[in-house]
Amino acid sequence: MLCVAHEPSSAQDLAFVAVNVVPMDRNAILNNRTVIVRDGRIADVGPAGNTRVPAGARRVEGRGKYLMPGLGEMHGHIPSPLEPREFTESVLFLYVANGVTTVRGMQGAPGQLDFRERAKRGELLAPNLYLAGPPFSGKTIKSAEEAIQNVRQQKGEGWDLLKVLTGLARDHYDAMARTAKEVGISFAGHVPADVGLLHAIQSGQETFDHLDGYIEYLQGEKGPVPDAKFREIAKLTREAGAWVVPTMALWETLRGTADLATLLAFPELKYMPPQQIQQWTSAQENLLKNSDFKPDVARTVIQNRMRLLKVLHDGGVKILLGSDAPQRFSVPGFSIHREMKRMADAGMKPYDILRSGSTNVGLYFKEKDTFGTIEVGKRADLILLDANPLEDIGNIVRRSGVMVRGRWLSEGEIQSRLDKLRASHR
């Protein structure tokens, strides 16, 4: 069992001394800096020789290391309060263990708001949580009046955004969208088939998760999509101010182009319950032997998705890092690193990938808090690395520790907790 509750962060000042800073407000390294953290915020950033370390502050040696902002998981799942406490705490810890210090929860369930508030108070070792309410789908919304009522209710309850799922009728979607604008809450997620991508963009949907609706609009299952059509939809998306959360790696699993043996060999599976791995395995086996599964079509879709991501990025569309975890072979935190690898394979540079998980996340949540770069006053969500992530995105896994809301966890402590979690599943 992994018990991580009721561990408030320390009020002691902390100094990262003589560290190389990856500020993420520019594509640069600030060499030999000292960064002071106080009360969960960055209190000072300056040259190591000229920045005084407060008396009594905890010192973390940063020589030869790189300090960057924590990462965001912009399509994450937070367990329902009906799940066992140990499972919920494990999921939240796995995010933090991998440098994920902010999660936008996109699987809303009654009672989750308590997790968000407990995390803020330091009672849970967890990322900063921003939560969508219970979803708007064809199963949950049966009328425009019900859509309106649910929007007003979720706004009143304090959810951070609305989650759109598949199957929602167009008039119900429109009622949701109108009411959301009236009360001042955003909506994001999938594109219901009855709504369509263009109408969702025009309606002000804030994020398009999994690139949902794009391949359908572009008829990307039929063959290669012309570059001009990619550029056209990228322009429309950018001009609307919409964001995309690509979830590239997971979609290769869900479309069946990922090799099952490779998935089963992921070392991070040891941190998930065995029954969960068995469920994922059965689901993947059923997909691959289903008579409707067409490997050639699946490969075409994935190829088009990879090209689409590059064109969206090159076209100035705002991209947010997300992996949809926990989900089939998508283990919280670890899946973010696999996602960044696929973004690099699509042609994105390390700085732009890191920006999608740091600066852009801070910009997206700018009305909620200030974070995502290393600057005075920003929330102290940080990752200390042993190598420069701007040179190689793979260096993001070479951690010396993680800080969330000013609480420091050395890599030794992280690994000790991971060992205990692994042992609990034996």
Protein backbone atom coordinates (compact mmCIF):
# COMPACT_ATOMS: atom_id res chain seq x y z
CA MET A 1 0.00 0.00 0.00
CA LEU A 2 1.20 3.52 -0.82
CA CYS A 3 0.03 6.10 1.70
CA VAL A 4 0.75 9.69 0.73
CA ALA A 5 -2.05 11.68 2.34
CA HIS A 6 -1.79 14.32 5.06
CA GLU A 7 1.74 15.46 4.20
CA PRO A 8 1.67 19.26 4.01
CA SER A 9 4.54 20.99 2.29
CA SER A 10 7.29 22.49 4.40
CA ALA A 11 7.36 26.23 5.07
CA GLN A 12 11.17 26.20 4.99
CA ASP A 13 12.83 28.25 2.23
CA LEU A 14 14.67 26.20 -0.37
CA ALA A 15 17.50 27.25 -2.67
CA PHE A 16 18.61 25.57 -5.89
CA VAL A 17 22.24 26.68 -5.91
CA ALA A 18 24.44 27.18 -9.00
CA VAL A 19 21.91 25.56 -11.31
CA ASN A 20 21.37 26.04 -15.04
CA VAL A 21 17.87 27.45 -15.49
CA VAL A 22 15.61 26.53 -18.42
CA PRO A 23 13.21 29.48 -17.98
CA MET A 24 10.80 28.51 -20.82
CA ASP A 25 9.90 32.14 -21.47
CA ARG A 26 12.56 31.89 -24.21
CA ASN A 27 14.59 29.20 -25.94
CA ALA A 28 17.69 29.64 -23.79
CA ILE A 29 19.67 28.43 -20.79
CA LEU A 30 20.53 30.78 -17.90
CA ASN A 31 23.78 29.36 -16.58
CA ASN A 32 24.91 29.27 -12.94
CA ARG A 33 21.83 30.70 -11.25
CA THR A 34 20.42 30.43 -7.75
CA VAL A 35 16.65 30.04 -7.45
CA ILE A 36 14.97 30.73 -4.11
CA VAL A 37 11.58 29.19 -3.29
CA ARG A 38 9.45 30.54 -0.45
CA ASP A 39 5.86 29.69 0.51
CA GLY A 40 5.27 27.71 -2.65
CA ARG A 41 6.42 30.51 -4.97
CA ILE A 42 9.62 31.44 -6.75
CA ALA A 43 10.99 34.28 -4.63
CA ASP A 44 14.24 35.07 -6.46
CA VAL A 45 16.22 34.08 -9.55
CA GLY A 46 19.69 35.49 -10.03
CA PRO A 47 23.37 34.86 -10.73
CA ALA A 48 24.74 32.40 -8.20
CA GLY A 49 27.48 34.76 -7.07
CA ASN A 50 25.09 37.65 -6.42
CA THR A 51 22.02 35.90 -5.00
CA ARG A 52 21.94 35.46 -1.24
CA VAL A 53 20.64 32.18 0.13
CA PRO A 54 18.42 32.96 3.16
CA ALA A 55 19.67 31.77 6.52
CA GLY A 56 18.19 28.38 7.38
CA ALA A 57 17.13 27.64 3.82
CA ARG A 58 17.43 24.10 2.56
CA ARG A 59 20.07 23.95 -0.18
CA VAL A 60 19.82 21.72 -3.25
CA GLU A 61 23.07 21.56 -5.20
CA GLY A 62 22.44 22.37 -8.83
CA ARG A 63 25.90 22.46 -10.34
CA GLY A 64 25.82 20.72 -13.71
CA LYS A 65 22.04 20.26 -13.49
CA TYR A 66 19.09 21.92 -15.24
CA LEU A 67 16.00 23.40 -13.57
CA MET A 68 12.84 23.69 -15.66
CA PRO A 69 9.13 24.24 -14.98
CA GLY A 70 6.97 21.25 -14.11
CA LEU A 71 4.91 19.65 -16.86
CA GLY A 72 1.18 19.59 -17.47
CA GLU A 73 -1.00 16.60 -18.33
CA MET A 74 -3.81 18.35 -20.17
CA HIS A 75 -5.95 15.29 -20.71
CA GLY A 76 -5.62 13.30 -17.53
CA HIS A 77 -8.02 11.15 -15.57
CA ILE A 78 -8.56 11.51 -11.85
CA PRO A 79 -10.15 8.44 -10.25
CA SER A 80 -13.69 8.62 -8.96
CA PRO A 81 -14.02 8.98 -5.18
CA LEU A 82 -15.71 5.57 -5.35
CA GLU A 83 -12.35 4.00 -6.25
CA PRO A 84 -10.18 2.66 -3.41
CA ARG A 85 -8.23 5.44 -1.66
CA GLU A 86 -4.92 3.66 -2.31
CA PHE A 87 -5.55 3.61 -6.07
CA THR A 88 -6.39 7.32 -6.18
CA GLU A 89 -3.31 8.25 -4.18
CA SER A 90 -1.15 6.06 -6.40
CA VAL A 91 -2.42 7.70 -9.60
CA LEU A 92 -1.83 11.19 -8.21
CA PHE A 93 1.66 10.26 -7.03
CA LEU A 94 2.63 8.70 -10.38
CA TYR A 95 1.95 12.02 -12.07
CA VAL A 96 4.18 13.90 -9.64
CA ALA A 97 6.90 11.23 -9.74
CA ASN A 98 7.35 11.98 -13.45
CA GLY A 99 7.44 15.75 -13.15
CA VAL A 100 3.75 16.27 -13.95
CA THR A 101 2.80 19.06 -11.58
CA THR A 102 -0.48 20.13 -13.22
CA VAL A 103 -3.30 17.89 -14.42
CA ARG A 104 -6.45 18.95 -16.23
CA GLY A 105 -8.84 16.18 -15.23
CA MET A 106 -11.13 15.23 -18.11
CA GLN A 107 -13.14 12.45 -16.48
CA GLY A 108 -15.33 14.29 -14.04
CA ALA A 109 -17.17 12.52 -11.26
CA PRO A 110 -19.10 13.77 -8.22
CA GLY A 111 -16.80 14.28 -5.25
CA GLN A 112 -13.60 14.96 -7.19
CA LEU A 113 -13.59 18.63 -6.26
CA ASP A 114 -12.55 17.56 -2.77
CA PHE A 115 -9.35 16.09 -4.27
CA ARG A 116 -8.60 19.46 -5.88
CA GLU A 117 -8.99 21.34 -2.62
CA ARG A 118 -7.04 18.78 -0.57
CA ALA A 119 -4.19 18.99 -3.07
CA LYS A 120 -4.15 22.79 -2.71
CA ARG A 121 -3.92 22.44 1.07
CA GLY A 122 -1.05 19.94 0.80
CA GLU A 123 -3.09 17.09 2.26
CA LEU A 124 -2.48 14.97 -0.85
CA LEU A 125 0.79 14.44 -2.66
CA ALA A 126 -0.73 15.40 -5.98
CA PRO A 127 -0.38 17.72 -8.94
CA ASN A 128 -2.31 20.96 -9.08
CA LEU A 129 -5.74 19.85 -10.30
CA TYR A 130 -8.10 21.63 -12.65
CA LEU A 131 -11.20 19.53 -13.18
CA ALA A 132 -13.90 19.15 -15.79
CA GLY A 133 -17.28 18.16 -14.46
CA PRO A 134 -19.26 15.02 -15.34
CA PRO A 135 -19.41 14.80 -19.16
CA PHE A 136 -21.95 16.08 -21.62
CA SER A 137 -22.71 13.14 -23.92
CA GLY A 138 -25.52 11.41 -25.71
CA LYS A 139 -25.95 9.16 -22.68
CA THR A 140 -26.09 11.91 -20.06
CA ILE A 141 -27.95 14.73 -21.87
CA LYS A 142 -31.40 14.00 -23.29
CA SER A 143 -32.67 17.53 -23.99
CA ALA A 144 -31.55 21.12 -24.50
CA GLU A 145 -33.15 22.01 -21.17
CA GLU A 146 -31.09 19.35 -19.43
CA ALA A 147 -27.92 20.67 -21.08
CA ILE A 148 -28.68 24.19 -19.85
CA GLN A 149 -29.43 22.96 -16.34
CA ASN A 150 -26.21 20.92 -16.17
CA VAL A 151 -24.07 23.85 -17.33
CA ARG A 152 -25.50 26.11 -14.65
CA GLN A 153 -25.16 23.40 -12.01
CA GLN A 154 -21.52 22.65 -12.82
CA LYS A 155 -20.65 26.33 -12.87
CA GLY A 156 -22.28 26.75 -9.48
CA GLU A 157 -20.48 23.74 -8.03
CA GLY A 158 -17.11 25.18 -9.01
CA TRP A 159 -15.88 22.90 -11.78
CA ASP A 160 -13.13 24.44 -13.91
CA LEU A 161 -14.60 23.51 -17.30
CA LEU A 162 -17.17 21.35 -19.07
CA LYS A 163 -16.26 18.05 -20.76
CA VAL A 164 -17.79 17.22 -24.15
CA LEU A 165 -18.08 13.54 -25.05
CA THR A 166 -19.37 11.71 -28.10
CA GLY A 167 -23.01 11.20 -29.00
CA LEU A 168 -24.23 14.65 -27.97
CA ALA A 169 -26.99 15.91 -30.27
CA ARG A 170 -26.26 19.17 -32.08
CA ASP A 171 -29.11 21.15 -30.52
CA HIS A 172 -28.07 19.91 -27.07
CA TYR A 173 -24.46 20.91 -27.82
CA ASP A 174 -25.61 24.35 -28.95
CA ALA A 175 -27.65 24.83 -25.78
CA MET A 176 -24.60 23.85 -23.72
CA ALA A 177 -22.33 26.21 -25.69
CA ARG A 178 -24.70 29.20 -25.41
CA THR A 179 -25.20 28.72 -21.69
CA ALA A 180 -21.50 28.19 -21.06
CA LYS A 181 -20.77 31.57 -22.64
CA GLU A 182 -23.53 33.19 -20.58
CA VAL A 183 -22.23 31.92 -17.24
CA GLY A 184 -18.52 32.10 -18.09
CA ILE A 185 -17.25 28.53 -18.20
CA SER A 186 -15.31 26.90 -21.04
CA PHE A 187 -16.08 23.59 -22.74
CA ALA A 188 -13.60 21.17 -24.25
CA GLY A 189 -12.94 17.59 -25.28
CA HIS A 190 -14.43 15.55 -28.10
CA VAL A 191 -16.37 16.52 -31.22
CA PRO A 192 -19.72 14.70 -31.40
CA ALA A 193 -20.46 13.35 -34.89
CA ASP A 194 -23.74 15.29 -35.06
CA VAL A 195 -21.84 18.52 -34.34
CA GLY A 196 -18.81 18.25 -36.61
CA LEU A 197 -15.44 19.94 -36.38
CA LEU A 198 -16.26 23.22 -38.14
CA HIS A 199 -19.36 23.87 -36.06
CA ALA A 200 -17.47 23.06 -32.85
CA ILE A 201 -14.69 25.49 -33.81
CA GLN A 202 -17.24 28.18 -34.67
CA SER A 203 -19.08 27.54 -31.40
CA GLY A 204 -16.01 28.41 -29.36
CA GLN A 205 -14.98 24.97 -28.11
CA GLU A 206 -11.75 25.67 -26.26
CA THR A 207 -9.72 22.48 -26.78
CA PHE A 208 -9.93 19.63 -29.24
CA ASP A 209 -8.58 16.60 -27.46
CA HIS A 210 -7.11 13.60 -29.35
CA LEU A 211 -7.34 15.78 -32.50
CA ASP A 212 -10.94 14.62 -32.40
CA GLY A 213 -12.98 15.55 -35.46
CA TYR A 214 -9.99 16.44 -37.62
CA ILE A 215 -9.41 13.13 -39.38
CA GLU A 216 -13.15 12.77 -39.92
CA TYR A 217 -13.36 16.26 -41.43
CA LEU A 218 -10.32 15.62 -43.61
CA GLN A 219 -11.50 12.11 -44.61
CA GLY A 220 -8.17 10.89 -43.37
CA GLU A 221 -9.24 7.25 -43.27
CA LYS A 222 -9.41 7.09 -47.07
CA GLY A 223 -5.80 7.95 -47.85
CA PRO A 224 -3.15 10.69 -47.62
CA VAL A 225 -4.62 14.14 -47.03
CA PRO A 226 -3.42 16.94 -49.36
CA ASP A 227 -1.18 19.50 -47.67
CA ALA A 228 -3.53 22.31 -48.66
CA LYS A 229 -6.39 20.77 -46.67
CA PHE A 230 -4.15 20.41 -43.62
CA ARG A 231 -3.13 24.06 -43.88
CA GLU A 232 -6.73 25.19 -44.31
CA ILE A 233 -7.96 23.56 -41.11
CA ALA A 234 -4.86 24.71 -39.23
CA LYS A 235 -5.64 28.29 -40.25
CA LEU A 236 -9.26 27.99 -39.11
CA THR A 237 -8.17 26.51 -35.78
CA ARG A 238 -5.57 29.23 -35.17
CA GLU A 239 -7.92 32.07 -36.08
CA ALA A 240 -10.55 30.71 -33.69
CA GLY A 241 -8.01 30.71 -30.85
CA ALA A 242 -8.66 27.03 -30.16
CA TRP A 243 -6.11 24.67 -28.62
CA VAL A 244 -5.38 21.04 -29.45
CA VAL A 245 -4.34 18.22 -27.10
CA PRO A 246 -2.99 15.59 -29.53
CA THR A 247 -2.58 12.39 -27.39
CA MET A 248 -0.58 10.83 -30.22
CA ALA A 249 0.85 7.78 -28.44
CA LEU A 250 -2.44 6.53 -27.02
CA TRP A 251 -4.22 6.80 -30.36
CA GLU A 252 -1.69 4.41 -31.87
CA THR A 253 -2.75 1.93 -29.20
CA LEU A 254 -6.46 2.53 -29.65
CA ARG A 255 -6.21 2.30 -33.45
CA GLY A 256 -4.24 -0.94 -33.17
CA THR A 257 -0.98 0.15 -34.83
CA ALA A 258 1.04 -0.26 -31.61
CA ASP A 259 2.54 -3.73 -31.18
CA LEU A 260 0.92 -5.54 -28.25
CA ALA A 261 4.14 -7.26 -27.21
CA THR A 262 5.84 -3.88 -27.06
CA LEU A 263 3.02 -2.45 -24.97
CA LEU A 264 3.19 -5.36 -22.54
CA ALA A 265 6.94 -4.77 -22.15
CA PHE A 266 6.50 -1.20 -20.86
CA PRO A 267 8.42 -1.20 -17.55
CA GLU A 268 6.00 1.25 -15.95
CA LEU A 269 3.20 -1.33 -15.98
CA LYS A 270 4.58 -2.66 -12.71
CA TYR A 271 3.14 0.40 -10.97
CA MET A 272 -0.44 -0.40 -11.99
CA PRO A 273 -2.74 -3.05 -10.45
CA PRO A 274 -2.40 -6.44 -12.23
CA GLN A 275 -6.14 -6.57 -12.89
CA GLN A 276 -5.88 -3.24 -14.71
CA ILE A 277 -3.13 -4.61 -16.97
CA GLN A 278 -5.25 -7.67 -17.70
CA GLN A 279 -8.21 -5.48 -18.66
CA TRP A 280 -6.01 -3.43 -21.00
CA THR A 281 -4.57 -6.59 -22.54
CA SER A 282 -7.99 -8.13 -23.15
CA ALA A 283 -9.28 -4.91 -24.69
CA GLN A 284 -6.30 -4.73 -27.06
CA GLU A 285 -6.58 -8.39 -28.03
CA ASN A 286 -10.29 -7.93 -28.76
CA LEU A 287 -9.53 -4.90 -30.93
CA LEU A 288 -6.94 -6.74 -33.00
CA LYS A 289 -9.14 -9.78 -33.67
CA ASN A 290 -12.31 -7.80 -34.35
CA SER A 291 -13.56 -8.30 -37.91
CA ASP A 292 -13.95 -4.53 -38.28
CA PHE A 293 -10.25 -3.93 -37.59
CA LYS A 294 -8.46 -2.89 -40.80
CA PRO A 295 -4.70 -2.55 -40.23
CA ASP A 296 -4.10 -0.60 -43.47
CA VAL A 297 -6.78 1.96 -42.58
CA ALA A 298 -5.39 2.28 -39.06
CA ARG A 299 -1.88 2.95 -40.37
CA THR A 300 -3.23 5.57 -42.78
CA VAL A 301 -5.04 7.36 -39.96
CA ILE A 302 -1.92 7.43 -37.77
CA GLN A 303 0.22 8.69 -40.63
CA ASN A 304 -2.27 11.47 -41.28
CA ARG A 305 -2.38 12.34 -37.58
CA MET A 306 1.39 12.71 -37.48
CA ARG A 307 1.36 14.99 -40.52
CA LEU A 308 -1.56 16.94 -39.07
CA LEU A 309 0.24 17.65 -35.80
CA LYS A 310 3.26 19.04 -37.65
CA VAL A 311 1.09 21.29 -39.84
CA LEU A 312 -0.95 22.51 -36.85
CA HIS A 313 2.28 23.36 -35.02
CA ASP A 314 3.88 25.04 -38.04
CA GLY A 315 0.62 26.93 -38.62
CA GLY A 316 0.69 28.55 -35.18
CA VAL A 317 -2.03 26.49 -33.52
CA LYS A 318 -1.63 26.37 -29.73
CA ILE A 319 -0.69 22.87 -28.60
CA LEU A 320 -1.08 21.44 -25.11
CA LEU A 321 0.74 18.35 -23.86
CA GLY A 322 -1.53 15.47 -22.89
CA SER A 323 -1.55 11.69 -22.98
CA ASP A 324 -4.97 10.57 -21.65
CA ALA A 325 -3.82 8.65 -18.59
CA PRO A 326 -4.64 6.33 -16.97
CA GLN A 327 -5.92 4.70 -20.11
CA ARG A 328 -5.02 1.58 -22.07
CA PHE A 329 -1.25 1.06 -21.52
CA SER A 330 -1.03 4.76 -20.70
CA VAL A 331 0.40 4.90 -17.15
CA PRO A 332 0.09 8.28 -15.40
CA GLY A 333 3.21 10.41 -15.72
CA PHE A 334 5.21 7.85 -17.67
CA SER A 335 2.85 8.26 -20.62
CA ILE A 336 3.80 11.94 -20.91
CA HIS A 337 7.36 10.94 -21.80
CA ARG A 338 6.08 8.56 -24.48
CA GLU A 339 3.85 11.32 -25.81
CA MET A 340 6.75 13.76 -26.09
CA LYS A 341 8.72 11.17 -28.07
CA ARG A 342 5.90 10.90 -30.61
CA MET A 343 5.66 14.68 -30.85
CA ALA A 344 9.38 14.74 -31.65
CA ASP A 345 8.85 12.00 -34.26
CA ALA A 346 6.21 14.23 -35.85
CA GLY A 347 8.84 16.94 -36.32
CA MET A 348 8.45 19.18 -33.26
CA LYS A 349 11.64 20.54 -31.66
CA PRO A 350 12.43 19.99 -27.95
CA TYR A 351 11.71 23.60 -26.98
CA ASP A 352 8.29 23.53 -28.64
CA ILE A 353 7.40 20.20 -27.05
CA LEU A 354 8.45 21.46 -23.61
CA ARG A 355 6.54 24.68 -24.21
CA SER A 356 3.36 22.68 -24.89
CA GLY A 357 3.70 21.19 -21.40
CA SER A 358 4.85 24.26 -19.47
CA THR A 359 4.46 27.78 -20.85
CA ASN A 360 1.33 26.93 -22.83
CA VAL A 361 -0.28 25.25 -19.83
CA GLY A 362 0.37 28.39 -17.78
CA LEU A 363 -1.13 30.54 -20.52
CA TYR A 364 -4.19 28.30 -20.74
CA PHE A 365 -4.77 28.59 -16.98
CA LYS A 366 -3.67 32.23 -16.64
CA GLU A 367 -6.99 33.17 -15.04
CA LYS A 368 -6.48 30.50 -12.36
CA ASP A 369 -2.83 30.99 -11.29
CA THR A 370 0.60 32.01 -12.54
CA PHE A 371 3.01 29.21 -13.44
CA GLY A 372 4.71 27.55 -16.40
CA THR A 373 7.94 29.55 -16.48
CA ILE A 374 10.77 30.15 -14.01
CA GLU A 375 10.18 33.73 -12.94
CA VAL A 376 9.73 35.51 -9.64
CA GLY A 377 6.19 35.13 -8.34
CA LYS A 378 5.36 32.01 -10.31
CA ARG A 379 4.12 28.89 -8.57
CA ALA A 380 7.10 26.71 -7.63
CA ASP A 381 6.40 23.66 -9.79
CA LEU A 382 9.83 22.54 -10.97
CA ILE A 383 11.88 19.60 -12.28
CA LEU A 384 15.61 19.27 -11.63
CA LEU A 385 17.33 17.34 -14.44
CA ASP A 386 20.78 15.86 -14.89
CA ALA A 387 20.98 16.87 -18.58
CA ASN A 388 19.75 19.64 -20.89
CA PRO A 389 16.20 18.90 -22.17
CA LEU A 390 16.57 21.47 -24.96
CA GLU A 391 19.28 19.33 -26.54
CA ASP A 392 17.37 16.05 -26.33
CA ILE A 393 13.75 15.66 -25.22
CA GLY A 394 14.72 12.25 -23.83
CA ASN A 395 16.69 14.01 -21.09
CA ILE A 396 13.40 14.81 -19.38
CA VAL A 397 13.54 11.40 -17.67
CA ARG A 398 16.99 12.06 -16.18
CA ARG A 399 15.63 13.60 -12.99
CA SER A 400 17.26 14.62 -9.73
CA GLY A 401 13.91 15.57 -8.21
CA VAL A 402 10.55 17.27 -8.54
CA MET A 403 8.97 20.21 -6.75
CA VAL A 404 5.20 20.75 -6.64
CA ARG A 405 3.75 23.88 -4.98
CA GLY A 406 7.11 24.39 -3.23
CA ARG A 407 7.34 20.85 -1.86
CA TRP A 408 10.62 19.16 -2.83
CA LEU A 409 10.91 15.43 -3.54
CA SER A 410 14.39 14.17 -4.29
CA GLU A 411 14.75 11.42 -6.87
CA GLY A 412 15.76 9.09 -4.06
CA GLU A 413 12.46 9.71 -2.28
CA ILE A 414 10.54 9.29 -5.52
CA GLN A 415 12.20 5.96 -6.26
CA SER A 416 11.59 4.75 -2.71
CA ARG A 417 7.88 5.51 -3.06
CA LEU A 418 7.80 3.83 -6.48
CA ASP A 419 9.41 0.73 -4.99
CA LYS A 420 6.73 0.57 -2.31
CA LEU A 421 4.00 1.00 -4.90
CA ARG A 422 5.45 -1.78 -7.02
CA ALA A 423 5.64 -4.08 -3.99
CA SER A 424 2.00 -3.42 -3.17
CA HIS A 425 0.96 -5.00 -6.52
CA ARG A 426 2.80 -8.30 -5.96
